[in-house]
């Protein structure tokens, strides 16, 4: 006998083999469901999953859980702060690439075998 998923335990539902949440909210992760439920609501999570192919369900739940974790760490900006930092790094790297491509190499910079 298997125990009910955290979603069904929390909501006092009967967990069936067809449970939409069972694969993603395991009984040993009660905080994960509670946090996702508190921020997004079980109805919204169910709607999201029903609109996606099953193949994408795990990514969806992992993304929601990540967003919740980031909101706990940064209640004002959440994951937007991480996205902003990554965008700035990407832009800086792109600028360095353009500068490297635009800067002509002098013959003194070349190794002896390439002259």
PDB file of N, CA and C in Angstrom:
ATOM      1  N   UNK A   1       0.843  -1.186   0.000  1.00  0.00           N
ATOM      2  CA  UNK A   1       0.000   0.000   0.000  1.00  0.00           C
ATOM      3  C   UNK A   1       0.883   1.242   0.000  1.00  0.00           C
ATOM      4  N   UNK A   2       0.534   2.177  -0.852  1.00  0.00           N
ATOM      5  CA  UNK A   2       1.287   3.413  -0.944  1.00  0.00           C
ATOM      6  C   UNK A   2       0.544   4.509  -0.206  1.00  0.00           C
ATOM      7  N   UNK A   3       1.302   5.468   0.302  1.00  0.00           N
ATOM      8  CA  UNK A   3       0.647   6.562   1.008  1.00  0.00           C
ATOM      9  C   UNK A   3       0.228   7.638   0.016  1.00  0.00           C
ATOM     10  N   UNK A   4      -0.716   8.429   0.431  1.00  0.00           N
ATOM     11  CA  UNK A   4      -1.261   9.485  -0.423  1.00  0.00           C
ATOM     12  C   UNK A   4      -0.199  10.548  -0.679  1.00  0.00           C
ATOM     13  N   UNK A   5      -0.309  11.197  -1.818  1.00  0.00           N
ATOM     14  CA  UNK A   5       0.610  12.303  -2.121  1.00  0.00           C
ATOM     15  C   UNK A   5       0.357  13.437  -1.137  1.00  0.00           C
ATOM     16  N   UNK A   6       1.301  14.331  -1.067  1.00  0.00           N
ATOM     17  CA  UNK A   6       1.193  15.451  -0.136  1.00  0.00           C
ATOM     18  C   UNK A   6      -0.011  16.336  -0.444  1.00  0.00           C
ATOM     19  N   UNK A   7      -0.315  16.495  -1.733  1.00  0.00           N
ATOM     20  CA  UNK A   7      -1.466  17.323  -2.098  1.00  0.00           C
ATOM     21  C   UNK A   7      -2.750  16.730  -1.525  1.00  0.00           C
ATOM     22  N   UNK A   8      -2.945  15.448  -1.742  1.00  0.00           N
ATOM     23  CA  UNK A   8      -4.170  14.799  -1.241  1.00  0.00           C
ATOM     24  C   UNK A   8      -4.204  14.772   0.278  1.00  0.00           C
ATOM     25  N   UNK A   9      -3.062  14.536   0.911  1.00  0.00           N
ATOM     26  CA  UNK A   9      -3.006  14.563   2.374  1.00  0.00           C
ATOM     27  C   UNK A   9      -3.403  15.941   2.891  1.00  0.00           C
ATOM     28  N   UNK A  10      -2.819  16.981   2.304  1.00  0.00           N
ATOM     29  CA  UNK A  10      -3.045  18.348   2.743  1.00  0.00           C
ATOM     30  C   UNK A  10      -4.496  18.772   2.535  1.00  0.00           C
ATOM     31  N   UNK A  11      -5.068  18.370   1.410  1.00  0.00           N
ATOM     32  CA  UNK A  11      -6.435  18.770   1.079  1.00  0.00           C
ATOM     33  C   UNK A  11      -7.485  17.776   1.553  1.00  0.00           C
ATOM     34  N   UNK A  12      -7.014  16.712   2.189  1.00  0.00           N
ATOM     35  CA  UNK A  12      -7.875  15.640   2.696  1.00  0.00           C
ATOM     36  C   UNK A  12      -8.710  15.020   1.589  1.00  0.00           C
ATOM     37  N   UNK A  13      -8.037  14.764   0.464  1.00  0.00           N
ATOM     38  CA  UNK A  13      -8.653  14.080  -0.662  1.00  0.00           C
ATOM     39  C   UNK A  13      -8.232  12.617  -0.639  1.00  0.00           C
ATOM     40  N   UNK A  14      -9.015  11.802  -1.307  1.00  0.00           N
ATOM     41  CA  UNK A  14      -8.639  10.398  -1.488  1.00  0.00           C
ATOM     42  C   UNK A  14      -7.686  10.346  -2.683  1.00  0.00           C
ATOM     43  N   UNK A  15      -6.467   9.891  -2.457  1.00  0.00           N
ATOM     44  CA  UNK A  15      -5.460   9.851  -3.516  1.00  0.00           C
ATOM     45  C   UNK A  15      -5.650   8.578  -4.341  1.00  0.00           C
ATOM     46  N   UNK A  16      -5.884   8.757  -5.623  1.00  0.00           N
ATOM     47  CA  UNK A  16      -6.102   7.625  -6.526  1.00  0.00           C
ATOM     48  C   UNK A  16      -4.871   7.426  -7.405  1.00  0.00           C
ATOM     49  N   UNK A  17      -4.776   6.290  -8.072  1.00  0.00           N
ATOM     50  CA  UNK A  17      -3.644   6.077  -8.992  1.00  0.00           C
ATOM     51  C   UNK A  17      -3.599   7.103 -10.125  1.00  0.00           C
ATOM     52  N   UNK A  18      -4.729   7.701 -10.448  1.00  0.00           N
ATOM     53  CA  UNK A  18      -4.791   8.711 -11.515  1.00  0.00           C
ATOM     54  C   UNK A  18      -4.547  10.129 -11.001  1.00  0.00           C
ATOM     55  N   UNK A  19      -4.186  10.285  -9.740  1.00  0.00           N
ATOM     56  CA  UNK A  19      -4.001  11.607  -9.132  1.00  0.00           C
ATOM     57  C   UNK A  19      -3.027  12.450  -9.953  1.00  0.00           C
ATOM     58  N   UNK A  20      -3.464  13.641 -10.321  1.00  0.00           N
ATOM     59  CA  UNK A  20      -2.666  14.556 -11.125  1.00  0.00           C
ATOM     60  C   UNK A  20      -1.416  15.029 -10.386  1.00  0.00           C
ATOM     61  N   UNK A  21      -1.500  15.125  -9.071  1.00  0.00           N
ATOM     62  CA  UNK A  21      -0.416  15.692  -8.278  1.00  0.00           C
ATOM     63  C   UNK A  21       0.565  14.661  -7.723  1.00  0.00           C
ATOM     64  N   UNK A  22       0.175  13.413  -7.650  1.00  0.00           N
ATOM     65  CA  UNK A  22       0.980  12.380  -6.990  1.00  0.00           C
ATOM     66  C   UNK A  22       2.425  12.288  -7.487  1.00  0.00           C
ATOM     67  N   UNK A  23       2.672  12.334  -8.784  1.00  0.00           N
ATOM     68  CA  UNK A  23       4.070  12.197  -9.219  1.00  0.00           C
ATOM     69  C   UNK A  23       4.968  13.383  -8.825  1.00  0.00           C
ATOM     70  N   UNK A  24       4.368  14.506  -8.482  1.00  0.00           N
ATOM     71  CA  UNK A  24       5.144  15.728  -8.283  1.00  0.00           C
ATOM     72  C   UNK A  24       5.183  16.211  -6.838  1.00  0.00           C
ATOM     73  N   UNK A  25       4.267  15.734  -6.025  1.00  0.00           N
ATOM     74  CA  UNK A  25       4.238  16.120  -4.614  1.00  0.00           C
ATOM     75  C   UNK A  25       4.253  14.842  -3.770  1.00  0.00           C
ATOM     76  N   UNK A  26       5.450  14.325  -3.593  1.00  0.00           N
ATOM     77  CA  UNK A  26       5.631  13.063  -2.885  1.00  0.00           C
ATOM     78  C   UNK A  26       5.346  13.233  -1.391  1.00  0.00           C
ATOM     79  N   UNK A  27       4.969  12.144  -0.725  1.00  0.00           N
ATOM     80  CA  UNK A  27       4.616  12.233   0.698  1.00  0.00           C
ATOM     81  C   UNK A  27       5.735  12.760   1.594  1.00  0.00           C
ATOM     82  N   UNK A  28       6.979  12.616   1.163  1.00  0.00           N
ATOM     83  CA  UNK A  28       8.090  13.076   2.007  1.00  0.00           C
ATOM     84  C   UNK A  28       8.484  14.533   1.746  1.00  0.00           C
ATOM     85  N   UNK A  29       7.653  15.277   0.970  1.00  0.00           N
ATOM     86  CA  UNK A  29       7.933  16.682   0.661  1.00  0.00           C
ATOM     87  C   UNK A  29       6.727  17.574   0.973  1.00  0.00           C
ATOM     88  N   UNK A  30       6.268  17.571   2.218  1.00  0.00           N
ATOM     89  CA  UNK A  30       5.046  18.329   2.525  1.00  0.00           C
ATOM     90  C   UNK A  30       5.194  19.835   2.325  1.00  0.00           C
ATOM     91  N   UNK A  31       6.400  20.386   2.558  1.00  0.00           N
ATOM     92  CA  UNK A  31       6.581  21.830   2.418  1.00  0.00           C
ATOM     93  C   UNK A  31       6.440  22.263   0.965  1.00  0.00           C
ATOM     94  N   UNK A  32       6.883  21.397   0.061  1.00  0.00           N
ATOM     95  CA  UNK A  32       6.843  21.760  -1.360  1.00  0.00           C
ATOM     96  C   UNK A  32       5.407  22.038  -1.807  1.00  0.00           C
ATOM     97  N   UNK A  33       4.499  21.115  -1.497  1.00  0.00           N
ATOM     98  CA  UNK A  33       3.109  21.331  -1.889  1.00  0.00           C
ATOM     99  C   UNK A  33       2.516  22.520  -1.139  1.00  0.00           C
ATOM    100  N   UNK A  34       2.754  22.594   0.152  1.00  0.00           N
ATOM    101  CA  UNK A  34       2.168  23.676   0.950  1.00  0.00           C
ATOM    102  C   UNK A  34       2.579  25.036   0.399  1.00  0.00           C
ATOM    103  N   UNK A  35       3.846  25.187   0.039  1.00  0.00           N
ATOM    104  CA  UNK A  35       4.324  26.463  -0.486  1.00  0.00           C
ATOM    105  C   UNK A  35       3.711  26.787  -1.844  1.00  0.00           C
ATOM    106  N   UNK A  36       3.698  25.805  -2.742  1.00  0.00           N
ATOM    107  CA  UNK A  36       3.115  26.023  -4.071  1.00  0.00           C
ATOM    108  C   UNK A  36       1.622  26.322  -3.940  1.00  0.00           C
ATOM    109  N   UNK A  37       0.953  25.582  -3.089  1.00  0.00           N
ATOM    110  CA  UNK A  37      -0.485  25.785  -2.869  1.00  0.00           C
ATOM    111  C   UNK A  37      -0.769  27.174  -2.295  1.00  0.00           C
ATOM    112  N   UNK A  38       0.040  27.600  -1.326  1.00  0.00           N
ATOM    113  CA  UNK A  38      -0.182  28.909  -0.699  1.00  0.00           C
ATOM    114  C   UNK A  38       0.021  30.064  -1.669  1.00  0.00           C
ATOM    115  N   UNK A  39       0.955  29.932  -2.593  1.00  0.00           N
ATOM    116  CA  UNK A  39       1.242  31.033  -3.523  1.00  0.00           C
ATOM    117  C   UNK A  39       0.341  30.985  -4.746  1.00  0.00           C
ATOM    118  N   UNK A  40       0.192  29.806  -5.346  1.00  0.00           N
ATOM    119  CA  UNK A  40      -0.524  29.708  -6.622  1.00  0.00           C
ATOM    120  C   UNK A  40      -1.941  29.164  -6.498  1.00  0.00           C
ATOM    121  N   UNK A  41      -2.213  28.395  -5.465  1.00  0.00           N
ATOM    122  CA  UNK A  41      -3.533  27.783  -5.299  1.00  0.00           C
ATOM    123  C   UNK A  41      -3.644  26.497  -6.085  1.00  0.00           C
ATOM    124  N   UNK A  42      -4.274  25.521  -5.488  1.00  0.00           N
ATOM    125  CA  UNK A  42      -4.375  24.202  -6.115  1.00  0.00           C
ATOM    126  C   UNK A  42      -5.182  24.259  -7.408  1.00  0.00           C
ATOM    127  N   UNK A  43      -6.178  25.098  -7.463  1.00  0.00           N
ATOM    128  CA  UNK A  43      -7.004  25.217  -8.671  1.00  0.00           C
ATOM    129  C   UNK A  43      -6.180  25.745  -9.841  1.00  0.00           C
ATOM    130  N   UNK A  44      -5.367  26.753  -9.593  1.00  0.00           N
ATOM    131  CA  UNK A  44      -4.533  27.303 -10.659  1.00  0.00           C
ATOM    132  C   UNK A  44      -3.476  26.304 -11.120  1.00  0.00           C
ATOM    133  N   UNK A  45      -2.895  25.582 -10.180  1.00  0.00           N
ATOM    134  CA  UNK A  45      -1.888  24.577 -10.539  1.00  0.00           C
ATOM    135  C   UNK A  45      -2.547  23.484 -11.386  1.00  0.00           C
ATOM    136  N   UNK A  46      -3.729  23.063 -10.987  1.00  0.00           N
ATOM    137  CA  UNK A  46      -4.442  22.047 -11.763  1.00  0.00           C
ATOM    138  C   UNK A  46      -4.733  22.547 -13.179  1.00  0.00           C
ATOM    139  N   UNK A  47      -5.180  23.794 -13.306  1.00  0.00           N
ATOM    140  CA  UNK A  47      -5.452  24.369 -14.633  1.00  0.00           C
ATOM    141  C   UNK A  47      -4.192  24.388 -15.492  1.00  0.00           C
ATOM    142  N   UNK A  48      -3.065  24.803 -14.891  1.00  0.00           N
ATOM    143  CA  UNK A  48      -1.804  24.835 -15.635  1.00  0.00           C
ATOM    144  C   UNK A  48      -1.434  23.446 -16.139  1.00  0.00           C
ATOM    145  N   UNK A  49      -1.524  22.465 -15.255  1.00  0.00           N
ATOM    146  CA  UNK A  49      -1.152  21.106 -15.646  1.00  0.00           C
ATOM    147  C   UNK A  49      -2.091  20.563 -16.725  1.00  0.00           C
ATOM    148  N   UNK A  50      -3.367  20.856 -16.601  1.00  0.00           N
ATOM    149  CA  UNK A  50      -4.327  20.366 -17.594  1.00  0.00           C
ATOM    150  C   UNK A  50      -4.138  21.003 -18.971  1.00  0.00           C
ATOM    151  N   UNK A  51      -3.538  22.189 -19.008  1.00  0.00           N
ATOM    152  CA  UNK A  51      -3.295  22.855 -20.285  1.00  0.00           C
ATOM    153  C   UNK A  51      -2.004  22.400 -20.954  1.00  0.00           C
ATOM    154  N   UNK A  52      -1.187  21.654 -20.222  1.00  0.00           N
ATOM    155  CA  UNK A  52       0.098  21.203 -20.746  1.00  0.00           C
ATOM    156  C   UNK A  52       0.064  19.722 -21.107  1.00  0.00           C
ATOM    157  N   UNK A  53       0.949  19.350 -22.008  1.00  0.00           N
ATOM    158  CA  UNK A  53       1.164  17.930 -22.255  1.00  0.00           C
ATOM    159  C   UNK A  53       1.792  17.324 -21.010  1.00  0.00           C
ATOM    160  N   UNK A  54       1.510  16.071 -20.744  1.00  0.00           N
ATOM    161  CA  UNK A  54       2.044  15.401 -19.556  1.00  0.00           C
ATOM    162  C   UNK A  54       3.567  15.499 -19.511  1.00  0.00           C
ATOM    163  N   UNK A  55       4.174  15.490 -20.665  1.00  0.00           N
ATOM    164  CA  UNK A  55       5.629  15.583 -20.776  1.00  0.00           C
ATOM    165  C   UNK A  55       6.179  16.817 -20.051  1.00  0.00           C
ATOM    166  N   UNK A  56       5.407  17.906 -19.990  1.00  0.00           N
ATOM    167  CA  UNK A  56       5.868  19.154 -19.394  1.00  0.00           C
ATOM    168  C   UNK A  56       5.428  19.347 -17.942  1.00  0.00           C
ATOM    169  N   UNK A  57       4.670  18.430 -17.382  1.00  0.00           N
ATOM    170  CA  UNK A  57       4.155  18.595 -16.020  1.00  0.00           C
ATOM    171  C   UNK A  57       5.266  18.745 -14.991  1.00  0.00           C
ATOM    172  N   UNK A  58       6.262  17.899 -15.066  1.00  0.00           N
ATOM    173  CA  UNK A  58       7.337  17.964 -14.067  1.00  0.00           C
ATOM    174  C   UNK A  58       8.067  19.302 -14.138  1.00  0.00           C
ATOM    175  N   UNK A  59       8.346  19.775 -15.346  1.00  0.00           N
ATOM    176  CA  UNK A  59       8.998  21.081 -15.498  1.00  0.00           C
ATOM    177  C   UNK A  59       8.130  22.198 -14.924  1.00  0.00           C
ATOM    178  N   UNK A  60       6.837  22.103 -15.146  1.00  0.00           N
ATOM    179  CA  UNK A  60       5.907  23.108 -14.629  1.00  0.00           C
ATOM    180  C   UNK A  60       5.954  23.146 -13.101  1.00  0.00           C
ATOM    181  N   UNK A  61       5.837  22.000 -12.472  1.00  0.00           N
ATOM    182  CA  UNK A  61       5.846  21.944 -11.007  1.00  0.00           C
ATOM    183  C   UNK A  61       7.191  22.402 -10.463  1.00  0.00           C
ATOM    184  N   UNK A  62       8.285  21.972 -11.088  1.00  0.00           N
ATOM    185  CA  UNK A  62       9.612  22.403 -10.633  1.00  0.00           C
ATOM    186  C   UNK A  62       9.779  23.912 -10.764  1.00  0.00           C
ATOM    187  N   UNK A  63       9.235  24.485 -11.821  1.00  0.00           N
ATOM    188  CA  UNK A  63       9.308  25.931 -12.020  1.00  0.00           C
ATOM    189  C   UNK A  63       8.493  26.667 -10.965  1.00  0.00           C
ATOM    190  N   UNK A  64       7.293  26.180 -10.700  1.00  0.00           N
ATOM    191  CA  UNK A  64       6.465  26.806  -9.666  1.00  0.00           C
ATOM    192  C   UNK A  64       7.145  26.728  -8.304  1.00  0.00           C
ATOM    193  N   UNK A  65       7.706  25.566  -7.994  1.00  0.00           N
ATOM    194  CA  UNK A  65       8.404  25.391  -6.710  1.00  0.00           C
ATOM    195  C   UNK A  65       9.611  26.323  -6.625  1.00  0.00           C
ATOM    196  N   UNK A  66      10.332  26.492  -7.731  1.00  0.00           N
ATOM    197  CA  UNK A  66      11.483  27.397  -7.753  1.00  0.00           C
ATOM    198  C   UNK A  66      11.024  28.840  -7.536  1.00  0.00           C
ATOM    199  N   UNK A  67       9.962  29.234  -8.213  1.00  0.00           N
ATOM    200  CA  UNK A  67       9.438  30.595  -8.038  1.00  0.00           C
ATOM    201  C   UNK A  67       9.043  30.846  -6.586  1.00  0.00           C
ATOM    202  N   UNK A  68       8.426  29.865  -5.960  1.00  0.00           N
ATOM    203  CA  UNK A  68       8.038  30.006  -4.552  1.00  0.00           C
ATOM    204  C   UNK A  68       9.279  30.144  -3.681  1.00  0.00           C
ATOM    205  N   UNK A  69      10.290  29.298  -3.916  1.00  0.00           N
ATOM    206  CA  UNK A  69      11.528  29.381  -3.132  1.00  0.00           C
ATOM    207  C   UNK A  69      12.183  30.746  -3.282  1.00  0.00           C
ATOM    208  N   UNK A  70      12.178  31.278  -4.490  1.00  0.00           N
ATOM    209  CA  UNK A  70      12.782  32.581  -4.720  1.00  0.00           C
ATOM    210  C   UNK A  70      11.966  33.695  -4.063  1.00  0.00           C
ATOM    211  N   UNK A  71      10.663  33.548  -4.002  1.00  0.00           N
ATOM    212  CA  UNK A  71       9.832  34.555  -3.316  1.00  0.00           C
ATOM    213  C   UNK A  71      10.117  34.559  -1.825  1.00  0.00           C
ATOM    214  N   UNK A  72      10.423  33.382  -1.279  1.00  0.00           N
ATOM    215  CA  UNK A  72      10.779  33.306   0.140  1.00  0.00           C
ATOM    216  C   UNK A  72      12.107  34.024   0.374  1.00  0.00           C
ATOM    217  N   UNK A  73      13.075  33.803  -0.526  1.00  0.00           N
ATOM    218  CA  UNK A  73      14.392  34.430  -0.385  1.00  0.00           C
ATOM    219  C   UNK A  73      14.358  35.930  -0.672  1.00  0.00           C
ATOM    220  N   UNK A  74      13.532  36.339  -1.624  1.00  0.00           N
ATOM    221  CA  UNK A  74      13.433  37.756  -2.009  1.00  0.00           C
ATOM    222  C   UNK A  74      11.960  38.081  -2.228  1.00  0.00           C
ATOM    223  N   UNK A  75      11.251  38.453  -1.143  1.00  0.00           N
ATOM    224  CA  UNK A  75       9.800  38.651  -1.237  1.00  0.00           C
ATOM    225  C   UNK A  75       9.365  39.744  -2.211  1.00  0.00           C
ATOM    226  N   UNK A  76      10.228  40.693  -2.505  1.00  0.00           N
ATOM    227  CA  UNK A  76       9.837  41.797  -3.381  1.00  0.00           C
ATOM    228  C   UNK A  76       9.997  41.416  -4.852  1.00  0.00           C
ATOM    229  N   UNK A  77      11.160  40.900  -5.211  1.00  0.00           N
ATOM    230  CA  UNK A  77      11.438  40.623  -6.621  1.00  0.00           C
ATOM    231  C   UNK A  77      11.365  39.152  -7.001  1.00  0.00           C
ATOM    232  N   UNK A  78      11.496  38.261  -6.040  1.00  0.00           N
ATOM    233  CA  UNK A  78      11.425  36.827  -6.344  1.00  0.00           C
ATOM    234  C   UNK A  78      12.460  36.424  -7.375  1.00  0.00           C
ATOM    235  N   UNK A  79      12.058  35.607  -8.334  1.00  0.00           N
ATOM    236  CA  UNK A  79      13.005  35.113  -9.338  1.00  0.00           C
ATOM    237  C   UNK A  79      13.376  36.185 -10.353  1.00  0.00           C
ATOM    238  N   UNK A  80      12.668  37.294 -10.373  1.00  0.00           N
ATOM    239  CA  UNK A  80      12.995  38.375 -11.298  1.00  0.00           C
ATOM    240  C   UNK A  80      14.397  38.918 -11.002  1.00  0.00           C
ATOM    241  N   UNK A  81      14.799  38.936  -9.739  1.00  0.00           N
ATOM    242  CA  UNK A  81      16.145  39.421  -9.403  1.00  0.00           C
ATOM    243  C   UNK A  81      17.214  38.519 -10.013  1.00  0.00           C
ATOM    244  N   UNK A  82      17.000  37.214  -9.993  1.00  0.00           N
ATOM    245  CA  UNK A  82      17.949  36.275 -10.594  1.00  0.00           C
ATOM    246  C   UNK A  82      17.970  36.449 -12.110  1.00  0.00           C
ATOM    247  N   UNK A  83      16.808  36.593 -12.702  1.00  0.00           N
ATOM    248  CA  UNK A  83      16.721  36.792 -14.151  1.00  0.00           C
ATOM    249  C   UNK A  83      17.454  38.071 -14.546  1.00  0.00           C
ATOM    250  N   UNK A  84      17.288  39.128 -13.779  1.00  0.00           N
ATOM    251  CA  UNK A  84      17.947  40.395 -14.061  1.00  0.00           C
ATOM    252  C   UNK A  84      19.465  40.254 -14.015  1.00  0.00           C
ATOM    253  N   UNK A  85      19.973  39.582 -13.002  1.00  0.00           N
ATOM    254  CA  UNK A  85      21.420  39.364 -12.888  1.00  0.00           C
ATOM    255  C   UNK A  85      21.925  38.564 -14.085  1.00  0.00           C
ATOM    256  N   UNK A  86      21.219  37.525 -14.457  1.00  0.00           N
ATOM    257  CA  UNK A  86      21.641  36.695 -15.591  1.00  0.00           C
ATOM    258  C   UNK A  86      21.593  37.474 -16.904  1.00  0.00           C
ATOM    259  N   UNK A  87      20.577  38.321 -17.077  1.00  0.00           N
ATOM    260  CA  UNK A  87      20.504  39.146 -18.285  1.00  0.00           C
ATOM    261  C   UNK A  87      21.672  40.121 -18.367  1.00  0.00           C
ATOM    262  N   UNK A  88      22.041  40.718 -17.242  1.00  0.00           N
ATOM    263  CA  UNK A  88      23.174  41.640 -17.220  1.00  0.00           C
ATOM    264  C   UNK A  88      24.472  40.915 -17.552  1.00  0.00           C
ATOM    265  N   UNK A  89      24.645  39.709 -16.994  1.00  0.00           N
ATOM    266  CA  UNK A  89      25.849  38.923 -17.297  1.00  0.00           C
ATOM    267  C   UNK A  89      25.898  38.550 -18.773  1.00  0.00           C
ATOM    268  N   UNK A  90      24.769  38.163 -19.323  1.00  0.00           N
ATOM    269  CA  UNK A  90      24.715  37.794 -20.741  1.00  0.00           C
ATOM    270  C   UNK A  90      25.049  38.999 -21.619  1.00  0.00           C
ATOM    271  N   UNK A  91      24.521  40.165 -21.287  1.00  0.00           N
ATOM    272  CA  UNK A  91      24.802  41.372 -22.060  1.00  0.00           C
ATOM    273  C   UNK A  91      26.278  41.740 -21.967  1.00  0.00           C
ATOM    274  N   UNK A  92      26.851  41.633 -20.785  1.00  0.00           N
ATOM    275  CA  UNK A  92      28.274  41.938 -20.600  1.00  0.00           C
ATOM    276  C   UNK A  92      29.136  40.966 -21.408  1.00  0.00           C
ATOM    277  N   UNK A  93      28.791  39.696 -21.376  1.00  0.00           N
ATOM    278  CA  UNK A  93      29.528  38.696 -22.139  1.00  0.00           C
ATOM    279  C   UNK A  93      29.417  38.979 -23.635  1.00  0.00           C
ATOM    280  N   UNK A  94      28.238  39.352 -24.080  1.00  0.00           N
ATOM    281  CA  UNK A  94      28.024  39.690 -25.489  1.00  0.00           C
ATOM    282  C   UNK A  94      28.877  40.892 -25.884  1.00  0.00           C
ATOM    283  N   UNK A  95      28.932  41.898 -25.015  1.00  0.00           N
ATOM    284  CA  UNK A  95      29.760  43.074 -25.289  1.00  0.00           C
ATOM    285  C   UNK A  95      31.238  42.705 -25.376  1.00  0.00           C
ATOM    286  N   UNK A  96      31.687  41.839 -24.474  1.00  0.00           N
ATOM    287  CA  UNK A  96      33.087  41.386 -24.514  1.00  0.00           C
ATOM    288  C   UNK A  96      33.364  40.644 -25.817  1.00  0.00           C
ATOM    289  N   UNK A  97      32.412  39.862 -26.253  1.00  0.00           N
ATOM    290  CA  UNK A  97      32.577  39.122 -27.509  1.00  0.00           C
ATOM    291  C   UNK A  97      32.702  40.089 -28.682  1.00  0.00           C
ATOM    292  N   UNK A  98      31.832  41.090 -28.745  1.00  0.00           N
ATOM    293  CA  UNK A  98      31.878  42.068 -29.833  1.00  0.00           C
ATOM    294  C   UNK A  98      33.196  42.842 -29.817  1.00  0.00           C
ATOM    295  N   UNK A  99      33.641  43.215 -28.629  1.00  0.00           N
ATOM    296  CA  UNK A  99      34.913  43.929 -28.521  1.00  0.00           C
ATOM    297  C   UNK A  99      36.074  43.056 -29.002  1.00  0.00           C
ATOM    298  N   UNK A 100      36.051  41.797 -28.625  1.00  0.00           N
ATOM    299  CA  UNK A 100      37.114  40.880 -29.042  1.00  0.00           C
ATOM    300  C   UNK A 100      37.107  40.690 -30.549  1.00  0.00           C
ATOM    301  N   UNK A 101      35.932  40.619 -31.141  1.00  0.00           N
ATOM    302  CA  UNK A 101      35.838  40.446 -32.587  1.00  0.00           C
ATOM    303  C   UNK A 101      36.212  41.724 -33.330  1.00  0.00           C
ATOM    304  N   UNK A 102      35.949  42.881 -32.730  1.00  0.00           N
ATOM    305  CA  UNK A 102      36.199  44.159 -33.390  1.00  0.00           C
ATOM    306  C   UNK A 102      37.646  44.631 -33.234  1.00  0.00           C
ATOM    307  N   UNK A 103      38.356  44.097 -32.273  1.00  0.00           N
ATOM    308  CA  UNK A 103      39.731  44.511 -32.033  1.00  0.00           C
ATOM    309  C   UNK A 103      40.659  43.725 -32.947  1.00  0.00           C
ATOM    310  N   UNK A 104      41.354  44.429 -33.848  1.00  0.00           N
ATOM    311  CA  UNK A 104      42.267  43.708 -34.740  1.00  0.00           C
ATOM    312  C   UNK A 104      43.479  43.194 -33.972  1.00  0.00           C
ATOM    313  N   UNK A 105      43.965  42.044 -34.372  1.00  0.00           N
ATOM    314  CA  UNK A 105      45.135  41.455 -33.741  1.00  0.00           C
ATOM    315  C   UNK A 105      46.376  42.009 -34.405  1.00  0.00           C
ATOM    316  N   UNK A 106      47.305  42.459 -33.620  1.00  0.00           N
ATOM    317  CA  UNK A 106      48.583  42.901 -34.208  1.00  0.00           C
ATOM    318  C   UNK A 106      49.462  41.675 -34.378  1.00  0.00           C
ATOM    319  N   UNK A 107      50.454  41.777 -35.220  1.00  0.00           N
ATOM    320  CA  UNK A 107      51.330  40.642 -35.476  1.00  0.00           C
ATOM    321  C   UNK A 107      52.106  40.257 -34.241  1.00  0.00           C
ATOM    322  N   UNK A 108      52.304  41.190 -33.287  1.00  0.00           N
ATOM    323  CA  UNK A 108      53.026  40.857 -32.071  1.00  0.00           C
ATOM    324  C   UNK A 108      52.190  39.989 -31.126  1.00  0.00           C
ATOM    325  N   UNK A 109      50.875  39.988 -31.351  1.00  0.00           N
ATOM    326  CA  UNK A 109      49.988  39.174 -30.522  1.00  0.00           C
ATOM    327  C   UNK A 109      49.879  37.746 -31.031  1.00  0.00           C
ATOM    328  N   UNK A 110      50.283  37.507 -32.244  1.00  0.00           N
ATOM    329  CA  UNK A 110      50.179  36.177 -32.816  1.00  0.00           C
ATOM    330  C   UNK A 110      51.318  35.305 -32.354  1.00  0.00           C
ATOM    331  N   UNK A 111      51.086  34.053 -32.246  1.00  0.00           N
ATOM    332  CA  UNK A 111      52.146  33.142 -31.856  1.00  0.00           C
ATOM    333  C   UNK A 111      53.113  32.985 -33.035  1.00  0.00           C
ATOM    334  N   UNK A 112      54.362  32.605 -32.772  1.00  0.00           N
ATOM    335  CA  UNK A 112      55.368  32.536 -33.839  1.00  0.00           C
ATOM    336  C   UNK A 112      54.974  31.644 -35.001  1.00  0.00           C
ATOM    337  N   UNK A 113      54.208  30.631 -34.779  1.00  0.00           N
ATOM    338  CA  UNK A 113      53.831  29.708 -35.855  1.00  0.00           C
ATOM    339  C   UNK A 113      52.735  30.225 -36.754  1.00  0.00           C
ATOM    340  N   UNK A 114      52.067  31.330 -36.421  1.00  0.00           N
ATOM    341  CA  UNK A 114      50.942  31.823 -37.228  1.00  0.00           C
ATOM    342  C   UNK A 114      51.295  33.055 -38.033  1.00  0.00           C
ATOM    343  N   UNK A 115      52.535  33.531 -37.991  1.00  0.00           N
ATOM    344  CA  UNK A 115      52.944  34.733 -38.746  1.00  0.00           C
ATOM    345  C   UNK A 115      53.165  34.440 -40.188  1.00  0.00           C
TER     346      UNK A 115
END
